[in-house]
Amino acid sequence: MALAVLLAGVMRLALPTELRLDDARGVFLVALVVLMAALILGDPGRIDRQKTWLRVLTASLIGLITVVNVGSSLRLIVGIYHLDTFTNSARVLLISGGIIWLTNVIAFGLWYWDLDRGGAAARAQGLAIPPAFVFPEMSNAEFVRPGWYPSFVDYLFLSFSTSMAFSPTDVSAIRPWSKLMMIAQELISLVVGILVIARSVNILR
């Protein structure tokens, strides 16, 4: 989870200035590092402490990544529509679109990980909270360790599959909020992907 957060911050440094929303000095990355450090100090090792301030801090961290990436997505869409200078290079467009797309995958993977069954700490403690996602391991318990519960990698895979296939794959969303979040993720990925590819093809043609 920490590596995914840091990757989202480092990738942003490769975006053109127009899409970084004037974040020319890496303020976003610094903010992520500070928030991650606070979370690790508050709950070192396995995430299994149920404290309100840790949940709020985690949600703030994920919210920051989400808001900043949505802002870059909107700026990219507007830039393509108005044919801004930075959209005249297919290479810049493809790299920027890829970074925004991958950051979107990370952001939604983090949201799924943080919200499902009360969060990572609640899952680690085995609290009986109804799930929002049904993983295949839940119905194939003989193939996993006793007491299995989904980790961040499982939610990251769910997020990646959702952005790639624009539909559920082997994981089923069974709560209204999880279905709505998947719809939002698919919509962002679809719009960004179509516009970036279409503009890039138009430049190279």
N, C-alpha and C. Protein backbone atom coordinates (compact mmCIF):
# COMPACT_ATOMS: atom_id res chain seq x y z
N MET A 1 0.85 -1.20 0.00
CA MET A 1 0.00 0.00 0.00
C MET A 1 0.88 1.24 0.00
N ALA A 2 1.91 1.24 0.85
CA ALA A 2 2.80 2.40 0.93
C ALA A 2 3.55 2.60 -0.37
N LEU A 3 3.99 1.50 -0.99
CA LEU A 3 4.71 1.60 -2.26
C LEU A 3 3.80 2.16 -3.36
N ALA A 4 2.54 1.75 -3.36
CA ALA A 4 1.59 2.25 -4.36
C ALA A 4 1.37 3.75 -4.20
N VAL A 5 1.27 4.19 -2.95
CA VAL A 5 1.09 5.63 -2.68
C VAL A 5 2.30 6.43 -3.17
N LEU A 6 3.49 5.94 -2.84
CA LEU A 6 4.70 6.64 -3.27
C LEU A 6 4.84 6.63 -4.78
N LEU A 7 4.46 5.52 -5.42
CA LEU A 7 4.50 5.45 -6.89
C LEU A 7 3.61 6.51 -7.51
N ALA A 8 2.43 6.70 -6.93
CA ALA A 8 1.50 7.72 -7.44
C ALA A 8 2.13 9.11 -7.35
N GLY A 9 2.87 9.36 -6.27
CA GLY A 9 3.52 10.66 -6.12
C GLY A 9 4.69 10.85 -7.06
N VAL A 10 5.51 9.81 -7.23
CA VAL A 10 6.68 9.90 -8.11
C VAL A 10 6.26 10.04 -9.56
N MET A 11 5.24 9.29 -9.98
CA MET A 11 4.78 9.36 -11.37
C MET A 11 4.32 10.76 -11.73
N ARG A 12 3.74 11.44 -10.77
CA ARG A 12 3.21 12.78 -11.05
C ARG A 12 4.31 13.74 -11.47
N LEU A 13 5.55 13.50 -11.03
CA LEU A 13 6.65 14.37 -11.39
C LEU A 13 6.95 14.30 -12.89
N ALA A 14 6.50 13.23 -13.55
CA ALA A 14 6.75 13.07 -14.98
C ALA A 14 5.69 13.74 -15.85
N LEU A 15 4.63 14.25 -15.23
CA LEU A 15 3.58 14.94 -15.99
C LEU A 15 4.06 16.31 -16.44
N PRO A 16 3.59 16.80 -17.60
CA PRO A 16 3.91 18.18 -17.99
C PRO A 16 3.35 19.17 -16.98
N THR A 17 3.95 20.33 -16.89
CA THR A 17 3.56 21.33 -15.89
C THR A 17 2.08 21.65 -15.94
N GLU A 18 1.52 21.69 -17.15
CA GLU A 18 0.11 22.04 -17.30
C GLU A 18 -0.81 21.06 -16.57
N LEU A 19 -0.40 19.79 -16.49
CA LEU A 19 -1.24 18.77 -15.87
C LEU A 19 -0.93 18.58 -14.39
N ARG A 20 0.17 19.15 -13.93
CA ARG A 20 0.51 19.06 -12.51
C ARG A 20 -0.15 20.17 -11.70
N LEU A 21 -0.92 21.01 -12.36
CA LEU A 21 -1.67 22.07 -11.70
C LEU A 21 -0.75 22.97 -10.87
N ASP A 22 0.36 23.37 -11.50
CA ASP A 22 1.35 24.27 -10.88
C ASP A 22 2.08 23.65 -9.71
N ASP A 23 2.04 22.32 -9.61
CA ASP A 23 2.78 21.64 -8.54
C ASP A 23 4.21 21.38 -9.04
N ALA A 24 4.95 22.44 -9.32
CA ALA A 24 6.26 22.32 -9.95
C ALA A 24 7.34 21.89 -8.98
N ARG A 25 7.10 21.98 -7.70
CA ARG A 25 8.14 21.69 -6.72
C ARG A 25 7.91 20.38 -5.96
N GLY A 26 7.03 19.57 -6.47
CA GLY A 26 6.80 18.28 -5.85
C GLY A 26 6.10 18.35 -4.52
N VAL A 27 5.26 19.36 -4.32
CA VAL A 27 4.55 19.51 -3.05
C VAL A 27 3.65 18.29 -2.80
N PHE A 28 3.04 17.79 -3.86
CA PHE A 28 2.15 16.64 -3.74
C PHE A 28 2.90 15.42 -3.19
N LEU A 29 4.08 15.15 -3.74
CA LEU A 29 4.87 14.01 -3.28
C LEU A 29 5.28 14.18 -1.82
N VAL A 30 5.68 15.38 -1.45
CA VAL A 30 6.07 15.65 -0.06
C VAL A 30 4.89 15.41 0.88
N ALA A 31 3.71 15.87 0.47
CA ALA A 31 2.51 15.68 1.30
C ALA A 31 2.20 14.20 1.48
N LEU A 32 2.36 13.41 0.42
CA LEU A 32 2.11 11.98 0.51
C LEU A 32 3.10 11.31 1.47
N VAL A 33 4.37 11.70 1.36
CA VAL A 33 5.40 11.12 2.23
C VAL A 33 5.10 11.43 3.70
N VAL A 34 4.72 12.67 3.98
CA VAL A 34 4.42 13.07 5.36
C VAL A 34 3.22 12.29 5.90
N LEU A 35 2.17 12.17 5.10
CA LEU A 35 0.98 11.43 5.54
C LEU A 35 1.28 9.96 5.74
N MET A 36 2.06 9.37 4.81
CA MET A 36 2.42 7.96 4.94
C MET A 36 3.26 7.73 6.19
N ALA A 37 4.20 8.63 6.45
CA ALA A 37 5.06 8.51 7.64
C ALA A 37 4.21 8.53 8.91
N ALA A 38 3.21 9.42 8.94
CA ALA A 38 2.33 9.51 10.11
C ALA A 38 1.54 8.21 10.28
N LEU A 39 1.07 7.64 9.18
CA LEU A 39 0.31 6.39 9.26
C LEU A 39 1.18 5.23 9.73
N ILE A 40 2.40 5.16 9.22
CA ILE A 40 3.30 4.07 9.61
C ILE A 40 3.70 4.17 11.08
N LEU A 41 3.93 5.41 11.55
CA LEU A 41 4.27 5.60 12.96
C LEU A 41 3.08 5.28 13.86
N GLY A 42 1.87 5.60 13.37
CA GLY A 42 0.67 5.35 14.17
C GLY A 42 0.27 3.89 14.20
N ASP A 43 0.66 3.15 13.17
CA ASP A 43 0.31 1.73 13.10
C ASP A 43 1.42 0.98 12.38
N PRO A 44 2.57 0.79 13.04
CA PRO A 44 3.71 0.15 12.39
C PRO A 44 3.46 -1.34 12.12
N GLY A 45 4.09 -1.84 11.06
CA GLY A 45 3.93 -3.25 10.73
C GLY A 45 2.60 -3.51 10.06
N ARG A 46 1.91 -4.56 10.48
CA ARG A 46 0.62 -4.89 9.89
C ARG A 46 -0.43 -3.88 10.34
N ILE A 47 -1.28 -3.46 9.41
CA ILE A 47 -2.30 -2.47 9.73
C ILE A 47 -3.44 -3.17 10.46
N ASP A 48 -3.48 -3.04 11.77
CA ASP A 48 -4.52 -3.72 12.54
C ASP A 48 -5.02 -2.92 13.74
N ARG A 49 -4.75 -1.63 13.75
CA ARG A 49 -5.22 -0.79 14.85
C ARG A 49 -6.45 0.00 14.42
N GLN A 50 -7.53 -0.16 15.16
CA GLN A 50 -8.78 0.53 14.86
C GLN A 50 -8.83 1.85 15.63
N LYS A 51 -8.27 2.89 15.08
CA LYS A 51 -8.31 4.20 15.71
C LYS A 51 -8.91 5.20 14.73
N THR A 52 -9.77 6.06 15.27
CA THR A 52 -10.47 7.01 14.40
C THR A 52 -9.51 7.92 13.65
N TRP A 53 -8.47 8.41 14.33
CA TRP A 53 -7.56 9.35 13.68
C TRP A 53 -6.76 8.68 12.56
N LEU A 54 -6.51 7.37 12.70
CA LEU A 54 -5.82 6.64 11.63
C LEU A 54 -6.74 6.48 10.42
N ARG A 55 -8.01 6.21 10.66
CA ARG A 55 -8.97 6.09 9.55
C ARG A 55 -9.13 7.41 8.82
N VAL A 56 -9.20 8.52 9.60
CA VAL A 56 -9.34 9.85 9.00
C VAL A 56 -8.10 10.20 8.19
N LEU A 57 -6.93 9.89 8.73
CA LEU A 57 -5.68 10.18 8.05
C LEU A 57 -5.56 9.36 6.76
N THR A 58 -5.96 8.10 6.83
CA THR A 58 -5.93 7.25 5.63
C THR A 58 -6.87 7.78 4.56
N ALA A 59 -8.09 8.15 4.96
CA ALA A 59 -9.06 8.69 4.00
C ALA A 59 -8.56 10.00 3.41
N SER A 60 -7.89 10.82 4.21
CA SER A 60 -7.35 12.09 3.72
C SER A 60 -6.25 11.84 2.68
N LEU A 61 -5.42 10.84 2.94
CA LEU A 61 -4.35 10.49 2.02
C LEU A 61 -4.92 10.04 0.68
N ILE A 62 -5.87 9.13 0.72
CA ILE A 62 -6.48 8.62 -0.51
C ILE A 62 -7.26 9.72 -1.22
N GLY A 63 -7.96 10.55 -0.43
CA GLY A 63 -8.71 11.66 -1.02
C GLY A 63 -7.81 12.64 -1.74
N LEU A 64 -6.64 12.90 -1.17
CA LEU A 64 -5.69 13.81 -1.81
C LEU A 64 -5.25 13.27 -3.17
N ILE A 65 -4.91 11.99 -3.22
CA ILE A 65 -4.51 11.38 -4.48
C ILE A 65 -5.65 11.46 -5.50
N THR A 66 -6.86 11.17 -5.04
CA THR A 66 -8.02 11.16 -5.93
C THR A 66 -8.32 12.55 -6.49
N VAL A 67 -8.38 13.54 -5.61
CA VAL A 67 -8.72 14.91 -6.04
C VAL A 67 -7.68 15.45 -7.02
N VAL A 68 -6.41 15.26 -6.70
CA VAL A 68 -5.34 15.76 -7.56
C VAL A 68 -5.38 15.07 -8.92
N ASN A 69 -5.63 13.76 -8.93
CA ASN A 69 -5.65 13.04 -10.21
C ASN A 69 -6.88 13.40 -11.04
N VAL A 70 -8.01 13.60 -10.38
CA VAL A 70 -9.21 14.04 -11.10
C VAL A 70 -8.97 15.41 -11.71
N GLY A 71 -8.29 16.29 -10.96
CA GLY A 71 -7.96 17.62 -11.50
C GLY A 71 -7.09 17.51 -12.73
N SER A 72 -6.10 16.64 -12.71
CA SER A 72 -5.24 16.44 -13.87
C SER A 72 -6.02 15.85 -15.04
N SER A 73 -6.95 14.95 -14.73
CA SER A 73 -7.78 14.35 -15.78
C SER A 73 -8.63 15.41 -16.48
N LEU A 74 -9.26 16.27 -15.69
CA LEU A 74 -10.08 17.34 -16.27
C LEU A 74 -9.23 18.31 -17.08
N ARG A 75 -8.04 18.63 -16.56
CA ARG A 75 -7.14 19.53 -17.28
C ARG A 75 -6.72 18.91 -18.60
N LEU A 76 -6.48 17.61 -18.61
CA LEU A 76 -6.11 16.91 -19.84
C LEU A 76 -7.24 16.94 -20.86
N ILE A 77 -8.46 16.69 -20.38
CA ILE A 77 -9.62 16.69 -21.27
C ILE A 77 -9.83 18.08 -21.89
N VAL A 78 -9.74 19.11 -21.05
CA VAL A 78 -9.89 20.49 -21.54
C VAL A 78 -8.78 20.83 -22.51
N GLY A 79 -7.55 20.40 -22.20
CA GLY A 79 -6.41 20.67 -23.08
C GLY A 79 -6.57 20.04 -24.45
N ILE A 80 -7.07 18.80 -24.47
CA ILE A 80 -7.30 18.13 -25.76
C ILE A 80 -8.40 18.83 -26.53
N TYR A 81 -9.45 19.23 -25.84
CA TYR A 81 -10.57 19.91 -26.51
C TYR A 81 -10.13 21.23 -27.12
N HIS A 82 -9.28 21.99 -26.41
CA HIS A 82 -8.83 23.29 -26.90
C HIS A 82 -7.52 23.21 -27.69
N LEU A 83 -7.00 21.99 -27.88
CA LEU A 83 -5.76 21.77 -28.63
C LEU A 83 -4.61 22.60 -28.04
N ASP A 84 -4.46 22.55 -26.72
CA ASP A 84 -3.36 23.26 -26.07
C ASP A 84 -2.01 22.73 -26.54
N THR A 85 -0.97 23.51 -26.33
CA THR A 85 0.36 23.18 -26.84
C THR A 85 0.84 21.80 -26.40
N PHE A 86 0.63 21.46 -25.12
CA PHE A 86 1.16 20.18 -24.63
C PHE A 86 0.45 18.97 -25.24
N THR A 87 -0.68 19.20 -25.93
CA THR A 87 -1.39 18.08 -26.57
C THR A 87 -0.94 17.86 -28.01
N ASN A 88 0.09 18.60 -28.45
CA ASN A 88 0.56 18.45 -29.83
C ASN A 88 1.60 17.36 -29.98
N SER A 89 2.00 16.75 -28.89
CA SER A 89 2.99 15.68 -28.92
C SER A 89 2.32 14.37 -28.52
N ALA A 90 2.33 13.39 -29.42
CA ALA A 90 1.72 12.10 -29.12
C ALA A 90 2.45 11.43 -27.95
N ARG A 91 3.77 11.60 -27.88
CA ARG A 91 4.55 10.98 -26.80
C ARG A 91 4.13 11.54 -25.44
N VAL A 92 4.02 12.86 -25.36
CA VAL A 92 3.61 13.50 -24.10
C VAL A 92 2.19 13.08 -23.73
N LEU A 93 1.33 13.01 -24.72
CA LEU A 93 -0.06 12.63 -24.46
C LEU A 93 -0.16 11.20 -23.93
N LEU A 94 0.55 10.28 -24.58
CA LEU A 94 0.48 8.88 -24.18
C LEU A 94 1.07 8.66 -22.78
N ILE A 95 2.20 9.32 -22.50
CA ILE A 95 2.81 9.20 -21.18
C ILE A 95 1.90 9.80 -20.12
N SER A 96 1.34 10.98 -20.41
CA SER A 96 0.46 11.65 -19.45
C SER A 96 -0.81 10.83 -19.21
N GLY A 97 -1.40 10.33 -20.30
CA GLY A 97 -2.60 9.52 -20.17
C GLY A 97 -2.33 8.24 -19.38
N GLY A 98 -1.15 7.64 -19.62
CA GLY A 98 -0.79 6.43 -18.89
C GLY A 98 -0.61 6.68 -17.40
N ILE A 99 0.03 7.81 -17.06
CA ILE A 99 0.23 8.15 -15.65
C ILE A 99 -1.10 8.41 -14.95
N ILE A 100 -1.96 9.17 -15.61
CA ILE A 100 -3.27 9.48 -15.02
C ILE A 100 -4.09 8.20 -14.87
N TRP A 101 -4.04 7.34 -15.88
CA TRP A 101 -4.79 6.08 -15.84
C TRP A 101 -4.29 5.20 -14.70
N LEU A 102 -2.97 5.05 -14.58
CA LEU A 102 -2.41 4.19 -13.53
C LEU A 102 -2.65 4.77 -12.14
N THR A 103 -2.57 6.09 -12.02
CA THR A 103 -2.86 6.72 -10.74
C THR A 103 -4.32 6.50 -10.36
N ASN A 104 -5.19 6.51 -11.36
CA ASN A 104 -6.60 6.24 -11.13
C ASN A 104 -6.80 4.82 -10.59
N VAL A 105 -6.05 3.87 -11.16
CA VAL A 105 -6.11 2.48 -10.69
C VAL A 105 -5.67 2.40 -9.23
N ILE A 106 -4.57 3.07 -8.90
CA ILE A 106 -4.06 3.06 -7.53
C ILE A 106 -5.06 3.71 -6.57
N ALA A 107 -5.61 4.86 -6.97
CA ALA A 107 -6.54 5.58 -6.09
C ALA A 107 -7.78 4.74 -5.77
N PHE A 108 -8.38 4.13 -6.78
CA PHE A 108 -9.59 3.33 -6.52
C PHE A 108 -9.24 2.04 -5.79
N GLY A 109 -8.07 1.47 -6.08
CA GLY A 109 -7.64 0.30 -5.32
C GLY A 109 -7.52 0.63 -3.84
N LEU A 110 -7.00 1.82 -3.54
CA LEU A 110 -6.88 2.27 -2.15
C LEU A 110 -8.26 2.48 -1.51
N TRP A 111 -9.18 3.06 -2.28
CA TRP A 111 -10.52 3.26 -1.74
C TRP A 111 -11.18 1.93 -1.42
N TYR A 112 -11.12 0.97 -2.35
CA TYR A 112 -11.73 -0.33 -2.11
C TYR A 112 -11.11 -0.98 -0.86
N TRP A 113 -9.78 -0.89 -0.77
CA TRP A 113 -9.05 -1.47 0.35
C TRP A 113 -9.44 -0.82 1.68
N ASP A 114 -9.68 0.49 1.66
CA ASP A 114 -9.97 1.22 2.89
C ASP A 114 -11.42 1.11 3.33
N LEU A 115 -12.33 0.87 2.39
CA LEU A 115 -13.76 0.90 2.72
C LEU A 115 -14.38 -0.48 2.90
N ASP A 116 -13.87 -1.47 2.22
CA ASP A 116 -14.49 -2.79 2.27
C ASP A 116 -14.39 -3.41 3.67
N ARG A 117 -15.50 -3.90 4.17
CA ARG A 117 -15.57 -4.59 5.47
C ARG A 117 -14.94 -3.79 6.62
N GLY A 118 -15.13 -2.47 6.57
CA GLY A 118 -14.67 -1.63 7.67
C GLY A 118 -13.22 -1.23 7.62
N GLY A 119 -12.51 -1.61 6.57
CA GLY A 119 -11.11 -1.21 6.44
C GLY A 119 -10.14 -2.33 6.77
N ALA A 120 -8.85 -2.05 6.53
CA ALA A 120 -7.81 -3.06 6.70
C ALA A 120 -7.71 -3.56 8.14
N ALA A 121 -7.81 -2.66 9.11
CA ALA A 121 -7.69 -3.06 10.51
C ALA A 121 -8.84 -3.98 10.93
N ALA A 122 -10.05 -3.65 10.51
CA ALA A 122 -11.22 -4.48 10.84
C ALA A 122 -11.10 -5.86 10.22
N ARG A 123 -10.60 -5.93 8.99
CA ARG A 123 -10.43 -7.24 8.35
C ARG A 123 -9.36 -8.06 9.08
N ALA A 124 -8.26 -7.40 9.47
CA ALA A 124 -7.18 -8.10 10.17
C ALA A 124 -7.65 -8.64 11.51
N GLN A 125 -8.58 -7.93 12.16
CA GLN A 125 -9.09 -8.35 13.46
C GLN A 125 -10.22 -9.37 13.35
N GLY A 126 -10.66 -9.62 12.10
CA GLY A 126 -11.72 -10.60 11.89
C GLY A 126 -13.09 -10.13 12.32
N LEU A 127 -13.33 -8.83 12.33
CA LEU A 127 -14.64 -8.31 12.73
C LEU A 127 -15.70 -8.71 11.70
N ALA A 128 -16.87 -9.08 12.18
CA ALA A 128 -17.94 -9.57 11.31
C ALA A 128 -18.69 -8.41 10.66
N ILE A 129 -18.09 -7.82 9.65
CA ILE A 129 -18.71 -6.72 8.91
C ILE A 129 -19.02 -7.23 7.50
N PRO A 130 -20.25 -7.05 7.02
CA PRO A 130 -20.63 -7.56 5.69
C PRO A 130 -19.70 -7.00 4.60
N PRO A 131 -19.27 -7.84 3.67
CA PRO A 131 -18.36 -7.38 2.61
C PRO A 131 -19.09 -6.60 1.53
N ALA A 132 -18.32 -5.75 0.83
CA ALA A 132 -18.85 -5.04 -0.33
C ALA A 132 -18.42 -5.72 -1.61
N PHE A 133 -17.37 -6.57 -1.51
CA PHE A 133 -16.86 -7.31 -2.66
C PHE A 133 -16.74 -8.78 -2.29
N VAL A 134 -17.14 -9.64 -3.22
CA VAL A 134 -17.01 -11.07 -3.02
C VAL A 134 -15.85 -11.58 -3.89
N PHE A 135 -14.79 -12.04 -3.24
CA PHE A 135 -13.62 -12.55 -3.95
C PHE A 135 -13.75 -14.06 -4.15
N PRO A 136 -13.13 -14.60 -5.19
CA PRO A 136 -13.23 -16.05 -5.43
C PRO A 136 -12.65 -16.87 -4.29
N GLU A 137 -11.68 -16.32 -3.54
CA GLU A 137 -11.11 -17.05 -2.42
C GLU A 137 -12.15 -17.33 -1.33
N MET A 138 -13.20 -16.52 -1.28
CA MET A 138 -14.23 -16.70 -0.25
C MET A 138 -15.02 -17.99 -0.47
N SER A 139 -15.15 -18.39 -1.72
CA SER A 139 -15.90 -19.62 -2.02
C SER A 139 -14.98 -20.79 -2.36
N ASN A 140 -13.67 -20.54 -2.29
CA ASN A 140 -12.67 -21.59 -2.54
C ASN A 140 -11.65 -21.60 -1.41
N ALA A 141 -12.17 -21.75 -0.20
CA ALA A 141 -11.32 -21.63 0.99
C ALA A 141 -10.24 -22.70 1.06
N GLU A 142 -10.42 -23.81 0.34
CA GLU A 142 -9.43 -24.88 0.40
C GLU A 142 -8.12 -24.52 -0.29
N PHE A 143 -8.15 -23.45 -1.09
CA PHE A 143 -6.96 -23.05 -1.83
C PHE A 143 -6.17 -21.92 -1.18
N VAL A 144 -6.66 -21.40 -0.05
CA VAL A 144 -5.98 -20.29 0.62
C VAL A 144 -5.75 -20.65 2.09
N ARG A 145 -4.96 -19.83 2.76
CA ARG A 145 -4.63 -20.10 4.16
C ARG A 145 -5.87 -19.93 5.05
N PRO A 146 -5.89 -20.60 6.17
CA PRO A 146 -7.02 -20.43 7.11
C PRO A 146 -7.13 -18.97 7.57
N GLY A 147 -8.34 -18.46 7.64
CA GLY A 147 -8.55 -17.08 8.06
C GLY A 147 -8.20 -16.06 7.01
N TRP A 148 -8.19 -16.48 5.74
CA TRP A 148 -7.82 -15.56 4.65
C TRP A 148 -8.74 -14.35 4.60
N TYR A 149 -8.17 -13.20 4.33
CA TYR A 149 -8.95 -11.99 4.04
C TYR A 149 -8.19 -11.20 2.99
N PRO A 150 -8.90 -10.41 2.17
CA PRO A 150 -8.23 -9.70 1.07
C PRO A 150 -7.22 -8.67 1.56
N SER A 151 -6.08 -8.61 0.90
CA SER A 151 -5.05 -7.62 1.19
C SER A 151 -5.09 -6.54 0.12
N PHE A 152 -4.18 -5.57 0.21
CA PHE A 152 -4.20 -4.47 -0.75
C PHE A 152 -4.00 -4.96 -2.17
N VAL A 153 -3.16 -5.98 -2.37
CA VAL A 153 -2.91 -6.49 -3.72
C VAL A 153 -4.20 -6.99 -4.36
N ASP A 154 -5.08 -7.60 -3.57
CA ASP A 154 -6.35 -8.09 -4.10
C ASP A 154 -7.23 -6.93 -4.58
N TYR A 155 -7.24 -5.84 -3.83
CA TYR A 155 -8.03 -4.68 -4.24
C TYR A 155 -7.38 -3.95 -5.41
N LEU A 156 -6.06 -3.96 -5.47
CA LEU A 156 -5.36 -3.35 -6.60
C LEU A 156 -5.67 -4.13 -7.87
N PHE A 157 -5.69 -5.45 -7.78
CA PHE A 157 -6.04 -6.28 -8.93
C PHE A 157 -7.47 -6.01 -9.37
N LEU A 158 -8.38 -5.88 -8.40
CA LEU A 158 -9.78 -5.54 -8.71
C LEU A 158 -9.84 -4.22 -9.46
N SER A 159 -9.10 -3.22 -8.98
CA SER A 159 -9.11 -1.90 -9.60
C SER A 159 -8.52 -1.95 -11.01
N PHE A 160 -7.41 -2.66 -11.17
CA PHE A 160 -6.77 -2.79 -12.47
C PHE A 160 -7.70 -3.47 -13.47
N SER A 161 -8.33 -4.56 -13.06
CA SER A 161 -9.25 -5.29 -13.94
C SER A 161 -10.43 -4.42 -14.34
N THR A 162 -10.93 -3.64 -13.39
CA THR A 162 -12.07 -2.75 -13.66
C THR A 162 -11.71 -1.72 -14.72
N SER A 163 -10.50 -1.14 -14.62
CA SER A 163 -10.08 -0.13 -15.58
C SER A 163 -9.75 -0.72 -16.94
N MET A 164 -9.29 -1.97 -16.97
CA MET A 164 -8.93 -2.61 -18.23
C MET A 164 -10.15 -3.16 -18.97
N ALA A 165 -11.02 -3.84 -18.23
CA ALA A 165 -12.15 -4.53 -18.86
C ALA A 165 -13.43 -3.71 -18.85
N PHE A 166 -13.46 -2.61 -18.07
CA PHE A 166 -14.66 -1.78 -17.91
C PHE A 166 -15.83 -2.61 -17.40
N SER A 167 -15.55 -3.63 -16.60
CA SER A 167 -16.60 -4.47 -16.04
C SER A 167 -15.98 -5.34 -14.94
N PRO A 168 -16.80 -5.93 -14.07
CA PRO A 168 -16.27 -6.84 -13.05
C PRO A 168 -15.66 -8.06 -13.73
N THR A 169 -14.64 -8.64 -13.13
CA THR A 169 -14.05 -9.85 -13.68
C THR A 169 -14.36 -11.01 -12.73
N ASP A 170 -13.41 -11.38 -11.86
CA ASP A 170 -13.67 -12.49 -10.94
C ASP A 170 -14.16 -12.02 -9.58
N VAL A 171 -14.24 -10.71 -9.37
CA VAL A 171 -14.69 -10.14 -8.10
C VAL A 171 -16.04 -9.46 -8.32
N SER A 172 -17.00 -9.75 -7.47
CA SER A 172 -18.34 -9.18 -7.62
C SER A 172 -18.59 -8.08 -6.59
N ALA A 173 -19.09 -6.94 -7.07
CA ALA A 173 -19.50 -5.86 -6.17
C ALA A 173 -20.94 -6.12 -5.75
N ILE A 174 -21.21 -6.14 -4.45
CA ILE A 174 -22.55 -6.50 -3.98
C ILE A 174 -23.19 -5.41 -3.13
N ARG A 175 -22.47 -4.31 -2.92
CA ARG A 175 -23.05 -3.18 -2.17
C ARG A 175 -23.24 -2.00 -3.12
N PRO A 176 -24.28 -1.18 -2.92
CA PRO A 176 -24.52 -0.06 -3.83
C PRO A 176 -23.32 0.88 -3.98
N TRP A 177 -22.65 1.22 -2.87
CA TRP A 177 -21.53 2.16 -2.96
C TRP A 177 -20.38 1.58 -3.77
N SER A 178 -20.15 0.28 -3.64
CA SER A 178 -19.05 -0.33 -4.40
C SER A 178 -19.37 -0.36 -5.89
N LYS A 179 -20.63 -0.56 -6.24
CA LYS A 179 -21.04 -0.55 -7.65
C LYS A 179 -20.90 0.86 -8.24
N LEU A 180 -21.29 1.87 -7.46
CA LEU A 180 -21.18 3.25 -7.93
C LEU A 180 -19.72 3.65 -8.10
N MET A 181 -18.85 3.21 -7.19
CA MET A 181 -17.44 3.54 -7.31
C MET A 181 -16.82 2.88 -8.54
N MET A 182 -17.24 1.66 -8.84
CA MET A 182 -16.73 0.99 -10.03
C MET A 182 -17.21 1.68 -11.30
N ILE A 183 -18.44 2.18 -11.27
CA ILE A 183 -18.96 2.94 -12.42
C ILE A 183 -18.11 4.19 -12.64
N ALA A 184 -17.81 4.91 -11.55
CA ALA A 184 -17.00 6.13 -11.66
C ALA A 184 -15.61 5.81 -12.18
N GLN A 185 -15.00 4.75 -11.69
CA GLN A 185 -13.67 4.37 -12.15
C GLN A 185 -13.67 4.02 -13.63
N GLU A 186 -14.65 3.24 -14.05
CA GLU A 186 -14.74 2.84 -15.45
C GLU A 186 -14.96 4.06 -16.35
N LEU A 187 -15.78 4.99 -15.90
CA LEU A 187 -16.06 6.19 -16.69
C LEU A 187 -14.81 7.04 -16.89
N ILE A 188 -14.04 7.25 -15.81
CA ILE A 188 -12.81 8.03 -15.91
C ILE A 188 -11.81 7.36 -16.84
N SER A 189 -11.63 6.07 -16.69
CA SER A 189 -10.69 5.33 -17.53
C SER A 189 -11.10 5.37 -18.99
N LEU A 190 -12.39 5.21 -19.23
CA LEU A 190 -12.89 5.19 -20.61
C LEU A 190 -12.70 6.53 -21.30
N VAL A 191 -13.10 7.61 -20.62
CA VAL A 191 -13.00 8.94 -21.22
C VAL A 191 -11.55 9.32 -21.49
N VAL A 192 -10.68 9.14 -20.47
CA VAL A 192 -9.27 9.49 -20.63
C VAL A 192 -8.64 8.65 -21.74
N GLY A 193 -8.92 7.34 -21.73
CA GLY A 193 -8.34 6.45 -22.73
C GLY A 193 -8.75 6.81 -24.14
N ILE A 194 -10.04 7.03 -24.36
CA ILE A 194 -10.54 7.33 -25.69
C ILE A 194 -9.96 8.65 -26.21
N LEU A 195 -9.99 9.69 -25.38
CA LEU A 195 -9.52 10.99 -25.83
C LEU A 195 -8.02 10.99 -26.10
N VAL A 196 -7.24 10.38 -25.23
CA VAL A 196 -5.78 10.35 -25.42
C VAL A 196 -5.41 9.57 -26.67
N ILE A 197 -6.00 8.39 -26.84
CA ILE A 197 -5.69 7.56 -28.02
C ILE A 197 -6.14 8.25 -29.30
N ALA A 198 -7.35 8.82 -29.28
CA ALA A 198 -7.87 9.48 -30.48
C ALA A 198 -7.00 10.66 -30.87
N ARG A 199 -6.61 11.48 -29.91
CA ARG A 199 -5.77 12.64 -30.20
C ARG A 199 -4.39 12.20 -30.68
N SER A 200 -3.82 11.18 -30.07
CA SER A 200 -2.49 10.69 -30.46
C SER A 200 -2.52 10.14 -31.88
N VAL A 201 -3.54 9.38 -32.22
CA VAL A 201 -3.67 8.85 -33.58
C VAL A 201 -3.81 9.98 -34.58
N ASN A 202 -4.56 11.02 -34.21
CA ASN A 202 -4.75 12.17 -35.09
C ASN A 202 -3.43 12.88 -35.35
N ILE A 203 -2.55 12.96 -34.34
CA ILE A 203 -1.26 13.62 -34.49
C ILE A 203 -0.34 12.80 -35.38
N LEU A 204 -0.33 11.50 -35.19
CA LEU A 204 0.58 10.61 -35.92
C LEU A 204 0.12 10.33 -37.35
N ARG A 205 -1.14 10.59 -37.63
CA ARG A 205 -1.67 10.26 -38.96
C ARG A 205 -1.09 11.16 -40.03
